[in-house]
């Protein structure tokens, strides 16, 4: 679960995104602010549409906790890395992996 909080008038949850089956370790906003990526101990990354609060695409293939996720400055590439020493680059427009290391 990913929660968005507002600090205006006290901390209150404004959005809850359900999809991960375990703890979320890292989140990153896309440069245009329309998508969120989350990395989890459930060995997946999820892309979210923040307006509809829906998962756009779950990304799997790691064999261990995914600990970091980051967008490229143009928002077209998502990079994520896990404890399995694998780094993946994902082209988010067609939804295909472009580089895997490790």
Foldseek 3Di string as FASTA:
>chain_A
DDFDWDPVPHTDTDDDADDDPAAWADKEAALVRQWMWTWFQSQWIFIAGVVVSDTPDIGHDGDGGWHDWYADNVRQWIWTHGPSRKIWIFGPPVTGTDDIDD
